[in-house]
N, C-alpha and C. Protein backbone atom coordinates (compact mmCIF):
# COMPACT_ATOMS: atom_id res chain seq x y z
N MET A 1 -118.42 -26.63 -166.90
CA MET A 1 -119.68 -26.78 -166.21
C MET A 1 -120.15 -25.39 -165.77
N THR A 2 -121.44 -25.18 -165.78
CA THR A 2 -121.99 -23.90 -165.32
C THR A 2 -122.43 -24.01 -163.86
N VAL A 3 -122.62 -22.86 -163.24
CA VAL A 3 -123.11 -22.84 -161.87
C VAL A 3 -124.50 -23.49 -161.81
N ALA A 4 -125.31 -23.30 -162.84
CA ALA A 4 -126.63 -23.93 -162.89
C ALA A 4 -126.51 -25.45 -162.84
N GLU A 5 -125.52 -26.00 -163.53
CA GLU A 5 -125.30 -27.45 -163.52
C GLU A 5 -124.84 -27.92 -162.14
N VAL A 6 -123.99 -27.12 -161.49
CA VAL A 6 -123.56 -27.43 -160.13
C VAL A 6 -124.78 -27.50 -159.22
N ALA A 7 -125.65 -26.50 -159.32
CA ALA A 7 -126.86 -26.45 -158.49
C ALA A 7 -127.74 -27.68 -158.73
N LYS A 8 -127.89 -28.06 -159.98
CA LYS A 8 -128.74 -29.21 -160.30
C LYS A 8 -128.14 -30.50 -159.74
N LEU A 9 -126.84 -30.69 -159.95
CA LEU A 9 -126.17 -31.90 -159.45
C LEU A 9 -126.27 -32.03 -157.93
N LEU A 10 -126.21 -30.91 -157.24
CA LEU A 10 -126.20 -30.92 -155.78
C LEU A 10 -127.58 -30.68 -155.17
N ASP A 11 -128.62 -30.69 -156.03
CA ASP A 11 -129.98 -30.45 -155.55
C ASP A 11 -130.02 -29.22 -154.66
N ALA A 12 -129.34 -28.16 -155.13
CA ALA A 12 -129.11 -26.97 -154.32
C ALA A 12 -130.11 -25.85 -154.62
N GLU A 13 -130.46 -25.15 -153.57
CA GLU A 13 -131.28 -23.94 -153.69
C GLU A 13 -130.35 -22.77 -154.00
N VAL A 14 -130.76 -21.94 -154.95
CA VAL A 14 -130.01 -20.72 -155.26
C VAL A 14 -130.47 -19.64 -154.29
N VAL A 15 -129.54 -19.17 -153.47
CA VAL A 15 -129.86 -18.17 -152.45
C VAL A 15 -129.52 -16.76 -152.92
N SER A 16 -128.50 -16.67 -153.76
CA SER A 16 -128.04 -15.37 -154.27
C SER A 16 -127.35 -15.59 -155.60
N GLY A 17 -127.46 -14.61 -156.48
CA GLY A 17 -126.76 -14.69 -157.76
C GLY A 17 -127.53 -15.39 -158.86
N GLU A 18 -128.84 -15.32 -158.81
CA GLU A 18 -129.68 -15.98 -159.81
C GLU A 18 -129.32 -15.56 -161.23
N ASP A 19 -128.85 -14.35 -161.39
CA ASP A 19 -128.50 -13.82 -162.71
C ASP A 19 -127.12 -14.30 -163.18
N LEU A 20 -126.41 -15.05 -162.33
CA LEU A 20 -125.05 -15.50 -162.67
C LEU A 20 -124.96 -17.02 -162.85
N LEU A 21 -126.08 -17.68 -163.02
CA LEU A 21 -126.10 -19.15 -163.08
C LEU A 21 -125.43 -19.72 -164.32
N GLU A 22 -125.27 -18.93 -165.35
CA GLU A 22 -124.61 -19.43 -166.56
C GLU A 22 -123.10 -19.21 -166.53
N THR A 23 -122.57 -18.75 -165.41
CA THR A 23 -121.14 -18.57 -165.23
C THR A 23 -120.45 -19.92 -165.31
N GLU A 24 -119.37 -20.00 -166.10
CA GLU A 24 -118.59 -21.23 -166.23
C GLU A 24 -117.68 -21.40 -165.02
N VAL A 25 -117.63 -22.61 -164.50
CA VAL A 25 -116.71 -22.95 -163.43
C VAL A 25 -115.93 -24.17 -163.86
N LYS A 26 -114.65 -24.20 -163.50
CA LYS A 26 -113.78 -25.27 -163.97
C LYS A 26 -113.25 -26.16 -162.86
N SER A 27 -113.29 -25.69 -161.62
CA SER A 27 -112.73 -26.49 -160.54
C SER A 27 -113.39 -26.11 -159.21
N ALA A 28 -113.13 -26.94 -158.20
CA ALA A 28 -113.76 -26.71 -156.89
C ALA A 28 -112.86 -27.21 -155.78
N CYS A 29 -113.16 -26.75 -154.57
CA CYS A 29 -112.50 -27.27 -153.38
C CYS A 29 -113.50 -27.27 -152.25
N GLY A 30 -113.27 -28.13 -151.28
CA GLY A 30 -114.15 -28.21 -150.13
C GLY A 30 -113.35 -28.05 -148.85
N SER A 31 -113.76 -27.12 -147.99
CA SER A 31 -113.07 -26.92 -146.73
C SER A 31 -113.93 -26.09 -145.78
N ASP A 32 -113.83 -26.41 -144.50
CA ASP A 32 -114.45 -25.59 -143.47
C ASP A 32 -113.42 -24.68 -142.81
N MET A 33 -112.17 -24.78 -143.25
CA MET A 33 -111.11 -23.94 -142.69
C MET A 33 -110.67 -22.93 -143.75
N MET A 34 -111.07 -21.69 -143.57
CA MET A 34 -110.76 -20.66 -144.55
C MET A 34 -109.25 -20.41 -144.63
N SER A 35 -108.52 -20.66 -143.56
CA SER A 35 -107.07 -20.51 -143.61
C SER A 35 -106.46 -21.52 -144.58
N ASP A 36 -107.02 -22.72 -144.67
CA ASP A 36 -106.54 -23.70 -145.64
C ASP A 36 -106.85 -23.25 -147.06
N VAL A 37 -108.03 -22.69 -147.26
CA VAL A 37 -108.39 -22.20 -148.58
C VAL A 37 -107.41 -21.12 -149.02
N LEU A 38 -107.10 -20.20 -148.13
CA LEU A 38 -106.16 -19.13 -148.45
C LEU A 38 -104.74 -19.65 -148.66
N ALA A 39 -104.34 -20.64 -147.89
CA ALA A 39 -102.97 -21.13 -147.94
C ALA A 39 -102.72 -22.12 -149.08
N PHE A 40 -103.69 -22.92 -149.41
CA PHE A 40 -103.42 -24.04 -150.31
C PHE A 40 -104.14 -24.01 -151.64
N VAL A 41 -105.15 -23.20 -151.80
CA VAL A 41 -105.99 -23.26 -152.98
C VAL A 41 -105.59 -22.20 -153.99
N LYS A 42 -105.59 -22.60 -155.26
CA LYS A 42 -105.45 -21.61 -156.33
C LYS A 42 -106.30 -22.05 -157.51
N ASP A 43 -106.74 -21.10 -158.26
CA ASP A 43 -107.53 -21.36 -159.47
C ASP A 43 -108.77 -22.20 -159.22
N GLN A 44 -109.46 -21.94 -158.13
CA GLN A 44 -110.71 -22.63 -157.86
C GLN A 44 -111.88 -21.70 -158.18
N SER A 45 -112.94 -22.24 -158.70
CA SER A 45 -114.11 -21.44 -159.01
C SER A 45 -115.24 -21.61 -158.01
N VAL A 46 -115.29 -22.79 -157.37
CA VAL A 46 -116.38 -23.12 -156.45
C VAL A 46 -115.80 -23.52 -155.10
N LEU A 47 -116.36 -22.97 -154.04
CA LEU A 47 -115.98 -23.34 -152.68
C LEU A 47 -117.14 -24.06 -152.03
N LEU A 48 -116.90 -25.26 -151.52
CA LEU A 48 -117.90 -25.99 -150.76
C LEU A 48 -117.51 -25.91 -149.29
N THR A 49 -118.46 -25.51 -148.45
CA THR A 49 -118.16 -25.33 -147.04
C THR A 49 -119.42 -25.46 -146.19
N GLY A 50 -119.22 -25.72 -144.92
CA GLY A 50 -120.32 -25.74 -143.97
C GLY A 50 -120.34 -24.48 -143.11
N LEU A 51 -119.38 -23.60 -143.32
CA LEU A 51 -119.34 -22.34 -142.57
C LEU A 51 -120.26 -21.32 -143.22
N CYS A 52 -120.97 -20.59 -142.41
CA CYS A 52 -121.94 -19.61 -142.92
C CYS A 52 -121.69 -18.23 -142.35
N ASN A 53 -120.44 -17.78 -142.36
CA ASN A 53 -120.14 -16.46 -141.80
C ASN A 53 -119.53 -15.54 -142.86
N PRO A 54 -119.44 -14.25 -142.58
CA PRO A 54 -118.90 -13.30 -143.57
C PRO A 54 -117.48 -13.63 -144.03
N GLN A 55 -116.70 -14.30 -143.19
CA GLN A 55 -115.32 -14.64 -143.58
C GLN A 55 -115.29 -15.52 -144.84
N VAL A 56 -116.30 -16.33 -145.01
CA VAL A 56 -116.38 -17.19 -146.20
C VAL A 56 -116.48 -16.32 -147.46
N ILE A 57 -117.28 -15.28 -147.41
CA ILE A 57 -117.42 -14.38 -148.56
C ILE A 57 -116.11 -13.65 -148.81
N ARG A 58 -115.47 -13.16 -147.76
CA ARG A 58 -114.19 -12.45 -147.91
C ARG A 58 -113.13 -13.37 -148.51
N THR A 59 -113.10 -14.61 -148.06
CA THR A 59 -112.13 -15.58 -148.59
C THR A 59 -112.40 -15.85 -150.06
N ALA A 60 -113.65 -16.10 -150.41
CA ALA A 60 -114.01 -16.36 -151.80
C ALA A 60 -113.65 -15.18 -152.69
N GLU A 61 -113.91 -13.98 -152.21
CA GLU A 61 -113.58 -12.79 -152.99
C GLU A 61 -112.06 -12.69 -153.22
N MET A 62 -111.29 -12.91 -152.17
CA MET A 62 -109.82 -12.83 -152.30
C MET A 62 -109.28 -13.86 -153.29
N MET A 63 -109.93 -15.01 -153.37
CA MET A 63 -109.46 -16.10 -154.22
C MET A 63 -110.17 -16.11 -155.58
N ASP A 64 -110.95 -15.07 -155.88
CA ASP A 64 -111.68 -14.96 -157.14
C ASP A 64 -112.62 -16.13 -157.40
N MET A 65 -113.24 -16.64 -156.36
CA MET A 65 -114.20 -17.73 -156.51
C MET A 65 -115.53 -17.16 -156.96
N LYS A 66 -116.21 -17.90 -157.80
CA LYS A 66 -117.46 -17.43 -158.40
C LYS A 66 -118.70 -17.92 -157.66
N CYS A 67 -118.54 -19.00 -156.89
CA CYS A 67 -119.70 -19.66 -156.30
C CYS A 67 -119.32 -20.31 -154.97
N ILE A 68 -120.20 -20.19 -153.98
CA ILE A 68 -120.04 -20.88 -152.71
C ILE A 68 -121.23 -21.81 -152.53
N VAL A 69 -120.94 -23.06 -152.21
CA VAL A 69 -121.99 -24.03 -151.91
C VAL A 69 -121.93 -24.33 -150.42
N PHE A 70 -123.00 -24.01 -149.72
CA PHE A 70 -123.11 -24.36 -148.31
C PHE A 70 -123.68 -25.77 -148.23
N VAL A 71 -122.93 -26.67 -147.64
CA VAL A 71 -123.33 -28.08 -147.57
C VAL A 71 -124.01 -28.40 -146.25
N ARG A 72 -124.46 -29.64 -146.12
CA ARG A 72 -125.09 -30.13 -144.89
C ARG A 72 -126.36 -29.36 -144.52
N GLY A 73 -127.03 -28.79 -145.53
CA GLY A 73 -128.27 -28.07 -145.27
C GLY A 73 -128.10 -26.73 -144.59
N LYS A 74 -126.86 -26.26 -144.50
CA LYS A 74 -126.60 -24.96 -143.85
C LYS A 74 -127.15 -23.84 -144.72
N ARG A 75 -127.56 -22.77 -144.06
CA ARG A 75 -128.09 -21.60 -144.77
C ARG A 75 -127.51 -20.33 -144.15
N PRO A 76 -126.93 -19.45 -145.00
CA PRO A 76 -126.34 -18.21 -144.47
C PRO A 76 -127.42 -17.22 -144.06
N ASP A 77 -127.04 -16.30 -143.16
CA ASP A 77 -127.98 -15.25 -142.76
C ASP A 77 -127.97 -14.13 -143.80
N GLN A 78 -128.83 -13.16 -143.60
CA GLN A 78 -129.02 -12.09 -144.58
C GLN A 78 -127.75 -11.26 -144.78
N THR A 79 -126.96 -11.07 -143.74
CA THR A 79 -125.71 -10.32 -143.87
C THR A 79 -124.77 -10.98 -144.87
N VAL A 80 -124.64 -12.29 -144.78
CA VAL A 80 -123.78 -13.05 -145.70
C VAL A 80 -124.35 -13.00 -147.11
N ILE A 81 -125.65 -13.15 -147.23
CA ILE A 81 -126.30 -13.10 -148.55
C ILE A 81 -126.08 -11.73 -149.20
N ASP A 82 -126.26 -10.67 -148.43
CA ASP A 82 -126.07 -9.31 -148.97
C ASP A 82 -124.62 -9.08 -149.40
N MET A 83 -123.67 -9.59 -148.60
CA MET A 83 -122.25 -9.46 -148.97
C MET A 83 -121.97 -10.17 -150.29
N ALA A 84 -122.49 -11.37 -150.43
CA ALA A 84 -122.26 -12.14 -151.66
C ALA A 84 -122.86 -11.41 -152.87
N ARG A 85 -124.05 -10.88 -152.71
CA ARG A 85 -124.68 -10.14 -153.82
C ARG A 85 -123.81 -8.96 -154.24
N SER A 86 -123.29 -8.23 -153.26
CA SER A 86 -122.49 -7.05 -153.58
C SER A 86 -121.16 -7.42 -154.25
N LYS A 87 -120.69 -8.64 -154.04
CA LYS A 87 -119.42 -9.10 -154.62
C LYS A 87 -119.62 -9.92 -155.89
N GLY A 88 -120.86 -10.20 -156.28
CA GLY A 88 -121.13 -10.99 -157.47
C GLY A 88 -120.78 -12.46 -157.29
N ILE A 89 -121.01 -12.99 -156.11
CA ILE A 89 -120.73 -14.40 -155.81
C ILE A 89 -122.05 -15.14 -155.65
N VAL A 90 -122.19 -16.24 -156.37
CA VAL A 90 -123.40 -17.06 -156.28
C VAL A 90 -123.35 -17.87 -154.99
N LEU A 91 -124.48 -17.93 -154.29
CA LEU A 91 -124.60 -18.76 -153.10
C LEU A 91 -125.61 -19.87 -153.35
N LEU A 92 -125.20 -21.09 -153.06
CA LEU A 92 -126.08 -22.25 -153.18
C LEU A 92 -126.13 -22.97 -151.84
N CYS A 93 -127.28 -23.59 -151.53
CA CYS A 93 -127.43 -24.40 -150.32
C CYS A 93 -127.80 -25.81 -150.73
N SER A 94 -126.98 -26.77 -150.34
CA SER A 94 -127.19 -28.17 -150.72
C SER A 94 -127.42 -29.03 -149.47
N PRO A 95 -128.29 -30.03 -149.59
CA PRO A 95 -128.51 -30.93 -148.46
C PRO A 95 -127.39 -31.97 -148.29
N PHE A 96 -126.53 -32.12 -149.29
CA PHE A 96 -125.47 -33.13 -149.26
C PHE A 96 -124.38 -32.78 -148.26
N ARG A 97 -123.75 -33.80 -147.71
CA ARG A 97 -122.54 -33.60 -146.90
C ARG A 97 -121.41 -33.23 -147.85
N MET A 98 -120.36 -32.63 -147.32
CA MET A 98 -119.28 -32.14 -148.16
C MET A 98 -118.64 -33.26 -149.00
N TYR A 99 -118.37 -34.38 -148.38
CA TYR A 99 -117.73 -35.49 -149.09
C TYR A 99 -118.56 -35.92 -150.30
N SER A 100 -119.86 -36.08 -150.09
CA SER A 100 -120.75 -36.49 -151.18
C SER A 100 -120.84 -35.42 -152.26
N ALA A 101 -120.94 -34.16 -151.84
CA ALA A 101 -121.05 -33.06 -152.80
C ALA A 101 -119.79 -32.97 -153.66
N CYS A 102 -118.63 -33.05 -153.03
CA CYS A 102 -117.37 -33.00 -153.78
C CYS A 102 -117.29 -34.18 -154.75
N GLY A 103 -117.67 -35.35 -154.27
CA GLY A 103 -117.64 -36.54 -155.11
C GLY A 103 -118.56 -36.43 -156.32
N LEU A 104 -119.75 -35.90 -156.11
CA LEU A 104 -120.69 -35.72 -157.22
C LEU A 104 -120.13 -34.76 -158.26
N LEU A 105 -119.57 -33.66 -157.81
CA LEU A 105 -119.01 -32.69 -158.76
C LEU A 105 -117.82 -33.28 -159.51
N TYR A 106 -116.95 -33.95 -158.79
CA TYR A 106 -115.75 -34.55 -159.42
C TYR A 106 -116.15 -35.62 -160.42
N SER A 107 -117.08 -36.49 -160.05
CA SER A 107 -117.47 -37.58 -160.94
C SER A 107 -118.24 -37.09 -162.16
N ASN A 108 -118.71 -35.86 -162.11
CA ASN A 108 -119.41 -35.28 -163.26
C ASN A 108 -118.55 -34.29 -164.04
N GLY A 109 -117.24 -34.32 -163.79
CA GLY A 109 -116.31 -33.57 -164.63
C GLY A 109 -115.73 -32.30 -164.09
N LEU A 110 -116.12 -31.88 -162.89
CA LEU A 110 -115.53 -30.66 -162.33
C LEU A 110 -114.19 -31.04 -161.70
N GLU A 111 -113.14 -30.38 -162.11
CA GLU A 111 -111.79 -30.72 -161.67
C GLU A 111 -111.55 -30.34 -160.21
N ALA A 112 -110.58 -31.02 -159.63
CA ALA A 112 -110.19 -30.71 -158.26
C ALA A 112 -109.28 -29.50 -158.20
N GLY A 113 -108.66 -29.13 -159.29
CA GLY A 113 -107.76 -27.99 -159.30
C GLY A 113 -106.42 -28.35 -158.71
N GLU A 114 -105.59 -27.34 -158.57
CA GLU A 114 -104.23 -27.56 -158.06
C GLU A 114 -104.07 -26.97 -156.68
N CYS A 115 -103.17 -27.56 -155.96
CA CYS A 115 -102.78 -27.05 -154.66
C CYS A 115 -101.47 -26.28 -154.86
N LYS A 116 -101.34 -25.10 -154.28
CA LYS A 116 -100.13 -24.32 -154.53
C LYS A 116 -98.99 -24.63 -153.57
N VAL A 117 -99.13 -25.68 -152.77
CA VAL A 117 -98.06 -26.11 -151.89
C VAL A 117 -97.14 -27.02 -152.68
N SER A 118 -95.84 -26.76 -152.62
CA SER A 118 -94.91 -27.61 -153.35
C SER A 118 -94.55 -28.82 -152.50
N ARG A 119 -94.41 -29.94 -153.16
CA ARG A 119 -94.04 -31.19 -152.48
C ARG A 119 -92.53 -31.31 -152.43
N VAL A 120 -92.01 -31.76 -151.32
CA VAL A 120 -90.56 -31.91 -151.16
C VAL A 120 -90.17 -33.35 -151.38
């Protein structure tokens, strides 16, 4: 799936990264806790979150994520937008709640990816 398809499915506004919409993405995760993203997520291309602070961009960059979707109608400020542009990360704003957005992406073929925590 491309980032453009993600945007269309989520009725999302492209806030940053218009030139990167044809980037392929294979999996996604949704979280408002960046510590969980850092601790448990691997091989994710899209991050869905309601947080709109610079830490979200730093987390996405560390995890090699290509796209951040701000859910619940949230919109990042210019500082966050500028950071994303400088890092080559697409920013989308969707009116959907996180649960609905994740469900739409999953039901349309975007994988949930793997969790790097081992089960005992």
